[in-house]
Each structure stands twice: as C-alpha cells, then as structure tokens.
Amino acid sequence: MATNIFDNFTEIPNREIQQRAAALVGFRQRFEHVHFNLRLLLDPAGLREWSQQHHGVELPVLSSLTDRYPLVILEGDVGTGKTASAEAIADQIARELNRTGYFIKLSTRVRGEGLHGQMAQLVNDAFDRLKKESKEGIAFLLIDEADAIATTRSTDQMHQEEKAAVNTLIQQIDDLRKLKGRAVVMMSTNRLHLLDEAIVRRAAVVMKFERPTVEERRELFQYELKGLKISGKDLEELVQLTGSERNGGVSYSFSDLRLRLLPAAIAQAYPTRPLTAAILKEVLMHMQPSPTIK
C-alpha cells in the first residue's frame, strides 16, 4: 500500500488562510522579510521586464539572482507560530504574484518504516508532486519538524538509510532552481543545530521565531478580547503576568495564550458568567508557560 506522505494539500490563494493571517501577531513583518529576500527569485519574468524597461538589456547579474535555492527555514521554539506563518506567507506571496497554486504540508510519515531505500524514495515522491503542482502556477512544500528528516550527516549515530534520504533531499532542493521560482521549500524546526549544514547553507532565508514580546502580547490580547470590557490597567497586568519576568525567565508562547489560557478562562466563565480580566488572572495563577526546547 502506498504511503500517504502529505498532511494537507491546500489551494492558494485561500480565503481561510488569509483570515487566519489577519489574526497572526507580527505576520506582516515576517512576510515582508521573506518576500524581500525571495521576490527576485520568485519573479524572474518581472525582473527581466524591469531590466529591459530601465536598462534596455537583460543585465548579466540577473542569472545569479534567479539561480539561488528556493528554500526558507523557519526556526524557533514550539508554539511560536512557524507553521501558521508558513501557510500565510505562501498564500500572500501567491497573491502578490497574482498566481494560483498549492500549499503542501509534508508528513513525518515520509520517514517510512525503515525499509531499504524507502525514505529516499518517499522524499523523491514528495518532490515529484511538488514539481507537478508547480507547472501551472506556484507551489510551496512545508517540511514541518524538518530536523526529523534533514538531520545533519556528521553524527556517527546516523543510519545509512537516513544519510541517503538527506542526500536525496539536497539533490531535490538543488533541482528546484530549474523551475525558476515556481516551487519553494519551507522547513520548520525548533532545533536548527540538528539540520544538515549543507541544507542550512542553501537557505535563501533563515527566519527566527521568538516567543511574543511585550508589544506582541498586548496586541494579541487586544485582538482576541475585542469587545470585552477590560481596563487599560487590567490589560497591562495580563501582559506582565504572561511575561518572562513573572515566570522564571520564560514567557508564554503564542499557542500558550491562544490555545491554553483563553480557552481555560472561557471554560471558567461559561455558561453563567461573562469573561472578565479577573477570571483571566485567576487562571494564570494556576498555569505555567510551556517549557522552552533546549
């Protein structure tokens, strides 16, 4: 039986992704950072048109600008929004370029069952599908938990099967340059040091995701609690209570706030009481942020 190596397969642009992006604190800055570094690579036709318009020739330097590796690495702690940002960035880039395409999330099932040659073949299968879907537009392949697939080959404990798969992965990333901006690989990891050095060197962008700052926690609470009668003083207290100074040097992550704190507070209030700052603070008295990944 064939292995299903994809967790999801989403057509872009996508309205639901766009709506989720609107709720992502700090998304615009992240998108602009990635787009700034990728735009010359992803729009070679536009780049040639620009060169002809302003210089009357296709500048020789353009060939090196468009021959880079279409690889983005998103690195950061668990719950900092890497996966959600990846799909939002892909969707927004498709909109900016006025293209249709697909956002494909690779499953860790690509590791296979340890059979000889299986993992390398599954990696090939994934990239074959990526190339197929990029023929008419643009396609993004997200390799989540990339350190489980793209582990450094320098360790003595690495199995030969895994080394062969990493070699295959590198070759496939190299081959994507031939597609001239129609396919992009995005890797998400909370252990950048475990990724193979050759893969990290190829990245056009390495973006670090941190836990939310004071300003980002404030923005998140203001967005998620819009319509709630909460004073500025209470808002600032919630911001401080979820920061690192109140929690042994570890602040709450985005997922801690959205998926743990807020649901727990609503559960306390529902169905007989309104949600209040007092309830939120009460829940925080019995909650700790998720530990950081070492």
C-alpha atoms as a PDB file:
ATOM      1  CA  MET A   1       0.000   0.000   0.000  1.00  0.00           C
ATOM      2  CA  ALA A   2       1.287   3.469  -0.912  1.00  0.00           C
ATOM      3  CA  THR A   3       2.266   5.701   1.998  1.00  0.00           C
ATOM      4  CA  ASN A   4       0.278   8.942   2.366  1.00  0.00           C
ATOM      5  CA  ILE A   5       3.120  11.398   2.847  1.00  0.00           C
ATOM      6  CA  PHE A   6       1.074  14.605   2.950  1.00  0.00           C
ATOM      7  CA  ASP A   7      -0.803  16.043   5.943  1.00  0.00           C
ATOM      8  CA  ASN A   8      -2.687  18.586   3.875  1.00  0.00           C
ATOM      9  CA  PHE A   9      -2.928  19.936   0.371  1.00  0.00           C
ATOM     10  CA  THR A  10      -4.438  23.431   0.082  1.00  0.00           C
ATOM     11  CA  GLU A  11      -5.134  25.523  -2.990  1.00  0.00           C
ATOM     12  CA  ILE A  12      -3.836  29.098  -2.756  1.00  0.00           C
ATOM     13  CA  PRO A  13      -4.803  31.900  -2.634  1.00  0.00           C
ATOM     14  CA  ASN A  14      -7.196  30.778   0.062  1.00  0.00           C
ATOM     15  CA  ARG A  15      -9.654  32.991   1.926  1.00  0.00           C
ATOM     16  CA  GLU A  16      -9.496  30.969   5.157  1.00  0.00           C
ATOM     17  CA  ILE A  17      -5.701  31.225   5.257  1.00  0.00           C
ATOM     18  CA  GLN A  18      -5.967  34.962   4.641  1.00  0.00           C
ATOM     19  CA  GLN A  19      -8.392  35.302   7.542  1.00  0.00           C
ATOM     20  CA  ARG A  20      -6.092  33.337   9.841  1.00  0.00           C
ATOM     21  CA  ALA A  21      -3.174  35.530   8.767  1.00  0.00           C
ATOM     22  CA  ALA A  22      -5.094  38.612   9.905  1.00  0.00           C
ATOM     23  CA  ALA A  23      -5.005  37.217  13.446  1.00  0.00           C
ATOM     24  CA  LEU A  24      -1.287  36.402  13.392  1.00  0.00           C
ATOM     25  CA  VAL A  25       0.565  38.917  15.528  1.00  0.00           C
ATOM     26  CA  GLY A  26       3.664  40.185  13.718  1.00  0.00           C
ATOM     27  CA  PHE A  27       2.775  38.451  10.446  1.00  0.00           C
ATOM     28  CA  ARG A  28       3.242  41.477   8.206  1.00  0.00           C
ATOM     29  CA  GLN A  29       6.839  41.971   9.334  1.00  0.00           C
ATOM     30  CA  ARG A  30       7.614  38.281   8.809  1.00  0.00           C
ATOM     31  CA  PHE A  31       6.067  38.277   5.362  1.00  0.00           C
ATOM     32  CA  GLU A  32       7.954  41.369   4.286  1.00  0.00           C
ATOM     33  CA  HIS A  33      11.231  39.838   5.470  1.00  0.00           C
ATOM     34  CA  VAL A  34      10.670  36.640   3.453  1.00  0.00           C
ATOM     35  CA  HIS A  35       9.259  38.450   0.432  1.00  0.00           C
ATOM     36  CA  PHE A  36      12.156  40.912   0.368  1.00  0.00           C
ATOM     37  CA  ASN A  37      14.622  38.023   0.187  1.00  0.00           C
ATOM     38  CA  LEU A  38      12.638  35.868  -2.252  1.00  0.00           C
ATOM     39  CA  ARG A  39      10.988  38.311  -4.632  1.00  0.00           C
ATOM     40  CA  LEU A  40      13.873  38.418  -7.117  1.00  0.00           C
ATOM     41  CA  LEU A  41      13.975  34.629  -7.154  1.00  0.00           C
ATOM     42  CA  LEU A  42      10.209  34.125  -7.470  1.00  0.00           C
ATOM     43  CA  ASP A  43       9.533  36.593 -10.281  1.00  0.00           C
ATOM     44  CA  PRO A  44      12.256  36.138 -12.923  1.00  0.00           C
ATOM     45  CA  ALA A  45       9.949  37.311 -15.727  1.00  0.00           C
ATOM     46  CA  GLY A  46       9.190  40.525 -13.855  1.00  0.00           C
ATOM     47  CA  LEU A  47      12.878  41.002 -13.149  1.00  0.00           C
ATOM     48  CA  ARG A  48      13.751  40.664 -16.854  1.00  0.00           C
ATOM     49  CA  GLU A  49      10.974  43.083 -17.773  1.00  0.00           C
ATOM     50  CA  TRP A  50      12.293  45.589 -15.235  1.00  0.00           C
ATOM     51  CA  SER A  51      15.815  45.266 -16.654  1.00  0.00           C
ATOM     52  CA  GLN A  52      14.659  45.790 -20.236  1.00  0.00           C
ATOM     53  CA  GLN A  53      12.495  48.754 -19.261  1.00  0.00           C
ATOM     54  CA  HIS A  54      15.148  50.600 -17.287  1.00  0.00           C
ATOM     55  CA  HIS A  55      18.390  49.455 -18.943  1.00  0.00           C
ATOM     56  CA  GLY A  56      17.431  48.281 -22.413  1.00  0.00           C
ATOM     57  CA  VAL A  57      19.149  44.928 -21.867  1.00  0.00           C
ATOM     58  CA  GLU A  58      18.880  41.870 -19.626  1.00  0.00           C
ATOM     59  CA  LEU A  59      21.627  42.518 -17.085  1.00  0.00           C
ATOM     60  CA  PRO A  60      24.044  39.562 -16.712  1.00  0.00           C
ATOM     61  CA  VAL A  61      23.733  39.776 -12.912  1.00  0.00           C
ATOM     62  CA  LEU A  62      20.113  38.587 -13.169  1.00  0.00           C
ATOM     63  CA  SER A  63      21.177  34.999 -13.813  1.00  0.00           C
ATOM     64  CA  SER A  64      22.865  34.749 -10.400  1.00  0.00           C
ATOM     65  CA  LEU A  65      19.924  36.414  -8.645  1.00  0.00           C
ATOM     66  CA  THR A  66      17.447  33.904 -10.039  1.00  0.00           C
ATOM     67  CA  ASP A  67      19.674  30.834  -9.613  1.00  0.00           C
ATOM     68  CA  ARG A  68      19.560  30.720  -5.819  1.00  0.00           C
ATOM     69  CA  TYR A  69      17.948  27.929  -3.834  1.00  0.00           C
ATOM     70  CA  PRO A  70      14.200  28.389  -3.224  1.00  0.00           C
ATOM     71  CA  LEU A  71      14.495  27.357   0.430  1.00  0.00           C
ATOM     72  CA  VAL A  72      13.152  29.109   3.528  1.00  0.00           C
ATOM     73  CA  ILE A  73      13.951  27.875   7.052  1.00  0.00           C
ATOM     74  CA  LEU A  74      11.665  28.906   9.913  1.00  0.00           C
ATOM     75  CA  GLU A  75      13.394  28.310  13.222  1.00  0.00           C
ATOM     76  CA  GLY A  76      12.071  28.815  16.722  1.00  0.00           C
ATOM     77  CA  ASP A  77      10.517  27.404  19.866  1.00  0.00           C
ATOM     78  CA  VAL A  78       7.349  25.319  19.946  1.00  0.00           C
ATOM     79  CA  GLY A  79       4.168  27.419  19.770  1.00  0.00           C
ATOM     80  CA  THR A  80       5.734  30.494  18.194  1.00  0.00           C
ATOM     81  CA  GLY A  81       3.622  30.348  15.026  1.00  0.00           C
ATOM     82  CA  LYS A  82       6.023  28.828  12.483  1.00  0.00           C
ATOM     83  CA  THR A  83       3.540  26.539  10.743  1.00  0.00           C
ATOM     84  CA  ALA A  84       0.706  29.064  10.682  1.00  0.00           C
ATOM     85  CA  SER A  85       3.076  31.712   9.358  1.00  0.00           C
ATOM     86  CA  ALA A  86       4.379  29.362   6.653  1.00  0.00           C
ATOM     87  CA  GLU A  87       0.959  28.848   5.077  1.00  0.00           C
ATOM     88  CA  ALA A  88       0.124  32.549   5.444  1.00  0.00           C
ATOM     89  CA  ILE A  89       3.397  33.574   3.774  1.00  0.00           C
ATOM     90  CA  ALA A  90       2.767  31.144   0.904  1.00  0.00           C
ATOM     91  CA  ASP A  91      -0.774  32.467   0.446  1.00  0.00           C
ATOM     92  CA  GLN A  92       0.335  36.097   0.500  1.00  0.00           C
ATOM     93  CA  ILE A  93       3.170  35.507  -1.972  1.00  0.00           C
ATOM     94  CA  ALA A  94       0.700  33.863  -4.377  1.00  0.00           C
ATOM     95  CA  ARG A  95      -1.499  36.956  -4.060  1.00  0.00           C
ATOM     96  CA  GLU A  96       1.401  39.354  -4.579  1.00  0.00           C
ATOM     97  CA  LEU A  97       2.492  37.500  -7.736  1.00  0.00           C
ATOM     98  CA  ASN A  98      -1.113  37.071  -8.927  1.00  0.00           C
ATOM     99  CA  ARG A  99      -0.625  33.316  -9.251  1.00  0.00           C
ATOM    100  CA  THR A 100      -2.623  30.283  -8.197  1.00  0.00           C
ATOM    101  CA  GLY A 101      -1.016  27.203  -6.727  1.00  0.00           C
ATOM    102  CA  TYR A 102      -0.805  24.888  -3.744  1.00  0.00           C
ATOM    103  CA  PHE A 103       0.483  24.819  -0.191  1.00  0.00           C
ATOM    104  CA  ILE A 104       1.509  21.240   0.626  1.00  0.00           C
ATOM    105  CA  LYS A 105       2.448  20.061   4.098  1.00  0.00           C
ATOM    106  CA  LEU A 106       4.698  17.022   4.209  1.00  0.00           C
ATOM    107  CA  SER A 107       4.034  14.429   6.899  1.00  0.00           C
ATOM    108  CA  THR A 108       6.746  12.858   9.059  1.00  0.00           C
ATOM    109  CA  ARG A 109       5.448   9.615   7.521  1.00  0.00           C
ATOM    110  CA  VAL A 110       7.951  10.425   4.789  1.00  0.00           C
ATOM    111  CA  ARG A 111      10.487   8.737   7.082  1.00  0.00           C
ATOM    112  CA  GLY A 112       8.868   5.440   6.112  1.00  0.00           C
ATOM    113  CA  GLU A 113       9.145   2.189   8.006  1.00  0.00           C
ATOM    114  CA  GLY A 114      12.898   1.680   7.805  1.00  0.00           C
ATOM    115  CA  LEU A 115      12.860  -0.411   4.634  1.00  0.00           C
ATOM    116  CA  HIS A 116      15.960  -0.175   2.446  1.00  0.00           C
ATOM    117  CA  GLY A 117      15.697   2.834   0.128  1.00  0.00           C
ATOM    118  CA  GLN A 118      12.163   3.672   1.239  1.00  0.00           C
ATOM    119  CA  MET A 119      12.809   7.037   2.879  1.00  0.00           C
ATOM    120  CA  ALA A 120      14.789   8.368  -0.088  1.00  0.00           C
ATOM    121  CA  GLN A 121      12.063   7.186  -2.459  1.00  0.00           C
ATOM    122  CA  LEU A 122       9.355   8.891  -0.397  1.00  0.00           C
ATOM    123  CA  VAL A 123      11.349  12.141  -0.479  1.00  0.00           C
ATOM    124  CA  ASN A 124      11.554  11.788  -4.265  1.00  0.00           C
ATOM    125  CA  ASP A 125       7.797  11.176  -4.399  1.00  0.00           C
ATOM    126  CA  ALA A 126       7.120  14.339  -2.408  1.00  0.00           C
ATOM    127  CA  PHE A 127       9.226  16.492  -4.708  1.00  0.00           C
ATOM    128  CA  ASP A 128       7.762  14.899  -7.813  1.00  0.00           C
ATOM    129  CA  ARG A 129       4.339  16.015  -6.591  1.00  0.00           C
ATOM    130  CA  LEU A 130       5.677  19.500  -5.782  1.00  0.00           C
ATOM    131  CA  LYS A 131       7.077  19.843  -9.306  1.00  0.00           C
ATOM    132  CA  LYS A 132       3.851  18.580 -10.834  1.00  0.00           C
ATOM    133  CA  GLU A 133       1.728  21.107  -8.971  1.00  0.00           C
ATOM    134  CA  SER A 134       4.084  23.973  -9.866  1.00  0.00           C
ATOM    135  CA  LYS A 135       3.649  23.573 -13.635  1.00  0.00           C
ATOM    136  CA  GLU A 136       0.676  25.936 -13.890  1.00  0.00           C
ATOM    137  CA  GLY A 137       1.433  28.324 -11.033  1.00  0.00           C
ATOM    138  CA  ILE A 138       3.407  28.253  -7.805  1.00  0.00           C
ATOM    139  CA  ALA A 139       3.694  25.508  -5.183  1.00  0.00           C
ATOM    140  CA  PHE A 140       5.046  25.517  -1.625  1.00  0.00           C
ATOM    141  CA  LEU A 141       6.158  22.402   0.240  1.00  0.00           C
ATOM    142  CA  LEU A 142       6.334  22.723   4.033  1.00  0.00           C
ATOM    143  CA  ILE A 143       8.551  20.199   5.796  1.00  0.00           C
ATOM    144  CA  ASP A 144       7.439  20.560   9.406  1.00  0.00           C
ATOM    145  CA  GLU A 145       9.727  19.213  12.149  1.00  0.00           C
ATOM    146  CA  ALA A 146      12.431  19.242   9.491  1.00  0.00           C
ATOM    147  CA  ASP A 147      15.102  18.013  11.896  1.00  0.00           C
ATOM    148  CA  ALA A 148      13.368  14.597  11.772  1.00  0.00           C
ATOM    149  CA  ILE A 149      14.061  14.377   8.035  1.00  0.00           C
ATOM    150  CA  ALA A 150      17.008  16.671   7.311  1.00  0.00           C
ATOM    151  CA  THR A 151      19.251  15.672  10.228  1.00  0.00           C
ATOM    152  CA  THR A 152      22.940  16.505   9.958  1.00  0.00           C
ATOM    153  CA  ARG A 153      25.013  13.747   8.363  1.00  0.00           C
ATOM    154  CA  SER A 154      28.007  14.499  10.599  1.00  0.00           C
ATOM    155  CA  THR A 155      26.788  12.421  13.542  1.00  0.00           C
ATOM    156  CA  ASP A 156      28.140   8.903  13.945  1.00  0.00           C
ATOM    157  CA  GLN A 157      24.751   7.657  15.147  1.00  0.00           C
ATOM    158  CA  MET A 158      23.035   8.436  11.856  1.00  0.00           C
ATOM    159  CA  HIS A 159      21.764   5.387   9.988  1.00  0.00           C
ATOM    160  CA  GLN A 160      22.857   4.898   6.383  1.00  0.00           C
ATOM    161  CA  GLU A 161      19.208   4.982   5.298  1.00  0.00           C
ATOM    162  CA  GLU A 162      18.820   8.455   6.825  1.00  0.00           C
ATOM    163  CA  LYS A 163      22.016   9.711   5.173  1.00  0.00           C
ATOM    164  CA  ALA A 164      20.760   8.547   1.791  1.00  0.00           C
ATOM    165  CA  ALA A 165      17.475  10.403   2.368  1.00  0.00           C
ATOM    166  CA  VAL A 166      19.285  13.642   3.300  1.00  0.00           C
ATOM    167  CA  ASN A 167      21.437  13.334   0.176  1.00  0.00           C
ATOM    168  CA  THR A 168      18.267  12.909  -1.871  1.00  0.00           C
ATOM    169  CA  LEU A 169      16.666  15.917  -0.167  1.00  0.00           C
ATOM    170  CA  ILE A 170      19.663  18.115  -1.003  1.00  0.00           C
ATOM    171  CA  GLN A 171      19.655  16.963  -4.635  1.00  0.00           C
ATOM    172  CA  GLN A 172      15.949  17.709  -4.935  1.00  0.00           C
ATOM    173  CA  ILE A 173      16.370  21.220  -3.465  1.00  0.00           C
ATOM    174  CA  ASP A 174      19.163  21.812  -5.974  1.00  0.00           C
ATOM    175  CA  ASP A 175      16.932  20.688  -8.845  1.00  0.00           C
ATOM    176  CA  LEU A 176      14.212  23.179  -7.889  1.00  0.00           C
ATOM    177  CA  ARG A 177      16.368  26.008  -9.217  1.00  0.00           C
ATOM    178  CA  LYS A 178      15.463  24.819 -12.721  1.00  0.00           C
ATOM    179  CA  LEU A 179      11.827  25.747 -12.059  1.00  0.00           C
ATOM    180  CA  LYS A 180      12.734  29.453 -11.864  1.00  0.00           C
ATOM    181  CA  GLY A 181      10.583  30.477  -8.922  1.00  0.00           C
ATOM    182  CA  ARG A 182       7.605  28.162  -9.430  1.00  0.00           C
ATOM    183  CA  ALA A 183       8.337  25.967  -6.364  1.00  0.00           C
ATOM    184  CA  VAL A 184       9.534  26.806  -2.855  1.00  0.00           C
ATOM    185  CA  VAL A 185      10.505  24.544   0.048  1.00  0.00           C
ATOM    186  CA  MET A 186       9.840  25.777   3.590  1.00  0.00           C
ATOM    187  CA  MET A 187      11.371  23.960   6.550  1.00  0.00           C
ATOM    188  CA  SER A 188      10.159  24.431  10.106  1.00  0.00           C
ATOM    189  CA  THR A 189      12.282  23.352  13.079  1.00  0.00           C
ATOM    190  CA  ASN A 190      12.871  24.082  16.749  1.00  0.00           C
ATOM    191  CA  ARG A 191      16.341  22.527  16.541  1.00  0.00           C
ATOM    192  CA  LEU A 192      18.233  24.381  13.830  1.00  0.00           C
ATOM    193  CA  HIS A 193      21.534  22.948  15.050  1.00  0.00           C
ATOM    194  CA  LEU A 194      20.347  19.463  14.068  1.00  0.00           C
ATOM    195  CA  LEU A 195      19.740  20.350  10.417  1.00  0.00           C
ATOM    196  CA  ASP A 196      22.392  19.266   7.943  1.00  0.00           C
ATOM    197  CA  GLU A 197      24.891  22.070   7.343  1.00  0.00           C
ATOM    198  CA  ALA A 198      24.579  21.816   3.553  1.00  0.00           C
ATOM    199  CA  ILE A 199      20.841  22.440   3.802  1.00  0.00           C
ATOM    200  CA  VAL A 200      21.222  25.455   6.097  1.00  0.00           C
ATOM    201  CA  ARG A 201      23.826  26.958   3.718  1.00  0.00           C
ATOM    202  CA  ARG A 202      21.358  26.716   0.846  1.00  0.00           C
ATOM    203  CA  ALA A 203      18.593  28.673   2.564  1.00  0.00           C
ATOM    204  CA  ALA A 204      17.695  31.961   0.921  1.00  0.00           C
ATOM    205  CA  VAL A 205      16.049  32.957   4.220  1.00  0.00           C
ATOM    206  CA  VAL A 206      16.531  31.731   7.790  1.00  0.00           C
ATOM    207  CA  MET A 207      13.893  33.357   9.979  1.00  0.00           C
ATOM    208  CA  LYS A 208      13.954  33.029  13.752  1.00  0.00           C
ATOM    209  CA  PHE A 209      10.646  32.914  15.621  1.00  0.00           C
ATOM    210  CA  GLU A 210      10.699  34.121  19.216  1.00  0.00           C
ATOM    211  CA  ARG A 211       8.080  33.992  21.947  1.00  0.00           C
ATOM    212  CA  PRO A 212       5.892  37.120  21.856  1.00  0.00           C
ATOM    213  CA  THR A 213       7.346  40.363  23.117  1.00  0.00           C
ATOM    214  CA  VAL A 214       5.526  42.715  25.481  1.00  0.00           C
ATOM    215  CA  GLU A 215       4.109  44.593  22.467  1.00  0.00           C
ATOM    216  CA  GLU A 216       3.035  41.364  20.744  1.00  0.00           C
ATOM    217  CA  ARG A 217       1.305  40.006  23.859  1.00  0.00           C
ATOM    218  CA  ARG A 218      -0.541  43.297  24.213  1.00  0.00           C
ATOM    219  CA  GLU A 219      -1.593  43.179  20.546  1.00  0.00           C
ATOM    220  CA  LEU A 220      -2.750  39.573  20.901  1.00  0.00           C
ATOM    221  CA  PHE A 221      -4.904  40.328  23.953  1.00  0.00           C
ATOM    222  CA  GLN A 222      -6.381  43.408  22.271  1.00  0.00           C
ATOM    223  CA  TYR A 223      -7.293  41.380  19.180  1.00  0.00           C
ATOM    224  CA  GLU A 224      -8.637  38.279  20.907  1.00  0.00           C
ATOM    225  CA  LEU A 225     -10.538  40.175  23.616  1.00  0.00           C
ATOM    226  CA  LYS A 226     -12.047  42.865  21.398  1.00  0.00           C
ATOM    227  CA  GLY A 227     -15.498  43.668  22.744  1.00  0.00           C
ATOM    228  CA  LEU A 228     -14.582  42.652  26.290  1.00  0.00           C
ATOM    229  CA  LYS A 229     -14.902  45.381  28.914  1.00  0.00           C
ATOM    230  CA  ILE A 230     -11.332  45.432  30.170  1.00  0.00           C
ATOM    231  CA  SER A 231      -9.443  48.447  31.522  1.00  0.00           C
ATOM    232  CA  GLY A 232      -6.033  49.535  30.311  1.00  0.00           C
ATOM    233  CA  LYS A 233      -4.640  48.688  33.744  1.00  0.00           C
ATOM    234  CA  ASP A 234      -6.002  45.140  33.607  1.00  0.00           C
ATOM    235  CA  LEU A 235      -4.679  44.705  30.063  1.00  0.00           C
ATOM    236  CA  GLU A 236      -1.183  45.734  31.122  1.00  0.00           C
ATOM    237  CA  GLU A 237      -1.342  43.390  34.103  1.00  0.00           C
ATOM    238  CA  LEU A 238      -2.207  40.452  31.806  1.00  0.00           C
ATOM    239  CA  VAL A 239       0.706  41.423  29.578  1.00  0.00           C
ATOM    240  CA  GLN A 240       3.068  41.437  32.550  1.00  0.00           C
ATOM    241  CA  LEU A 241       1.699  38.214  34.077  1.00  0.00           C
ATOM    242  CA  THR A 242       2.441  36.325  30.838  1.00  0.00           C
ATOM    243  CA  GLY A 243       5.974  37.686  30.501  1.00  0.00           C
ATOM    244  CA  SER A 244       9.291  36.101  31.385  1.00  0.00           C
ATOM    245  CA  GLU A 245       9.927  38.221  34.494  1.00  0.00           C
ATOM    246  CA  ARG A 246       6.884  36.683  36.231  1.00  0.00           C
ATOM    247  CA  ASN A 247       7.546  33.134  35.040  1.00  0.00           C
ATOM    248  CA  GLY A 248      11.128  32.192  35.834  1.00  0.00           C
ATOM    249  CA  GLY A 249      12.603  33.711  32.680  1.00  0.00           C
ATOM    250  CA  VAL A 250      10.163  32.008  30.275  1.00  0.00           C
ATOM    251  CA  SER A 251       7.304  33.942  28.709  1.00  0.00           C
ATOM    252  CA  TYR A 252       4.076  32.460  27.383  1.00  0.00           C
ATOM    253  CA  SER A 253       4.156  31.374  23.734  1.00  0.00           C
ATOM    254  CA  PHE A 254       1.509  32.334  21.188  1.00  0.00           C
ATOM    255  CA  SER A 255      -0.071  28.885  21.488  1.00  0.00           C
ATOM    256  CA  ASP A 256       0.029  29.099  25.308  1.00  0.00           C
ATOM    257  CA  LEU A 257      -2.069  32.245  25.104  1.00  0.00           C
ATOM    258  CA  ARG A 258      -4.475  31.225  22.351  1.00  0.00           C
ATOM    259  CA  LEU A 259      -4.844  27.501  22.972  1.00  0.00           C
ATOM    260  CA  ARG A 260      -4.419  27.208  26.733  1.00  0.00           C
ATOM    261  CA  LEU A 261      -5.079  30.454  28.624  1.00  0.00           C
ATOM    262  CA  LEU A 262      -8.056  31.834  26.693  1.00  0.00           C
ATOM    263  CA  PRO A 263      -9.963  28.531  26.386  1.00  0.00           C
ATOM    264  CA  ALA A 264      -9.399  27.780  30.070  1.00  0.00           C
ATOM    265  CA  ALA A 265     -10.706  31.221  31.048  1.00  0.00           C
ATOM    266  CA  ILE A 266     -13.779  30.902  28.831  1.00  0.00           C
ATOM    267  CA  ALA A 267     -14.450  27.469  30.324  1.00  0.00           C
ATOM    268  CA  GLN A 268     -14.423  29.073  33.779  1.00  0.00           C
ATOM    269  CA  ALA A 269     -16.951  31.713  32.731  1.00  0.00           C
ATOM    270  CA  TYR A 270     -19.271  29.689  30.528  1.00  0.00           C
ATOM    271  CA  PRO A 271     -22.247  29.401  30.727  1.00  0.00           C
ATOM    272  CA  THR A 272     -23.299  31.612  33.642  1.00  0.00           C
ATOM    273  CA  ARG A 273     -20.712  34.418  33.858  1.00  0.00           C
ATOM    274  CA  PRO A 274     -19.152  36.937  31.496  1.00  0.00           C
ATOM    275  CA  LEU A 275     -15.452  36.597  30.716  1.00  0.00           C
ATOM    276  CA  THR A 276     -13.508  39.139  32.774  1.00  0.00           C
ATOM    277  CA  ALA A 277      -9.936  40.170  33.428  1.00  0.00           C
ATOM    278  CA  ALA A 278     -10.320  38.743  36.937  1.00  0.00           C
ATOM    279  CA  ILE A 279     -11.073  35.288  35.522  1.00  0.00           C
ATOM    280  CA  LEU A 280      -8.101  35.501  33.175  1.00  0.00           C
ATOM    281  CA  LYS A 281      -5.816  36.444  36.063  1.00  0.00           C
ATOM    282  CA  GLU A 282      -7.255  33.682  38.222  1.00  0.00           C
ATOM    283  CA  VAL A 283      -6.489  31.092  35.534  1.00  0.00           C
ATOM    284  CA  LEU A 284      -2.944  32.438  35.224  1.00  0.00           C
ATOM    285  CA  MET A 285      -2.400  31.823  38.943  1.00  0.00           C
ATOM    286  CA  HIS A 286      -2.652  28.068  38.255  1.00  0.00           C
ATOM    287  CA  MET A 287      -0.893  27.938  34.868  1.00  0.00           C
ATOM    288  CA  GLN A 288       2.712  27.982  33.704  1.00  0.00           C
ATOM    289  CA  PRO A 289       4.099  28.666  30.215  1.00  0.00           C
ATOM    290  CA  SER A 290       5.188  25.696  28.180  1.00  0.00           C
ATOM    291  CA  PRO A 291       8.898  24.909  28.664  1.00  0.00           C
ATOM    292  CA  THR A 292      11.371  26.024  26.040  1.00  0.00           C
ATOM    293  CA  ILE A 293      13.102  23.495  23.791  1.00  0.00           C
ATOM    294  CA  LYS A 294      16.772  23.190  24.639  1.00  0.00           C
END
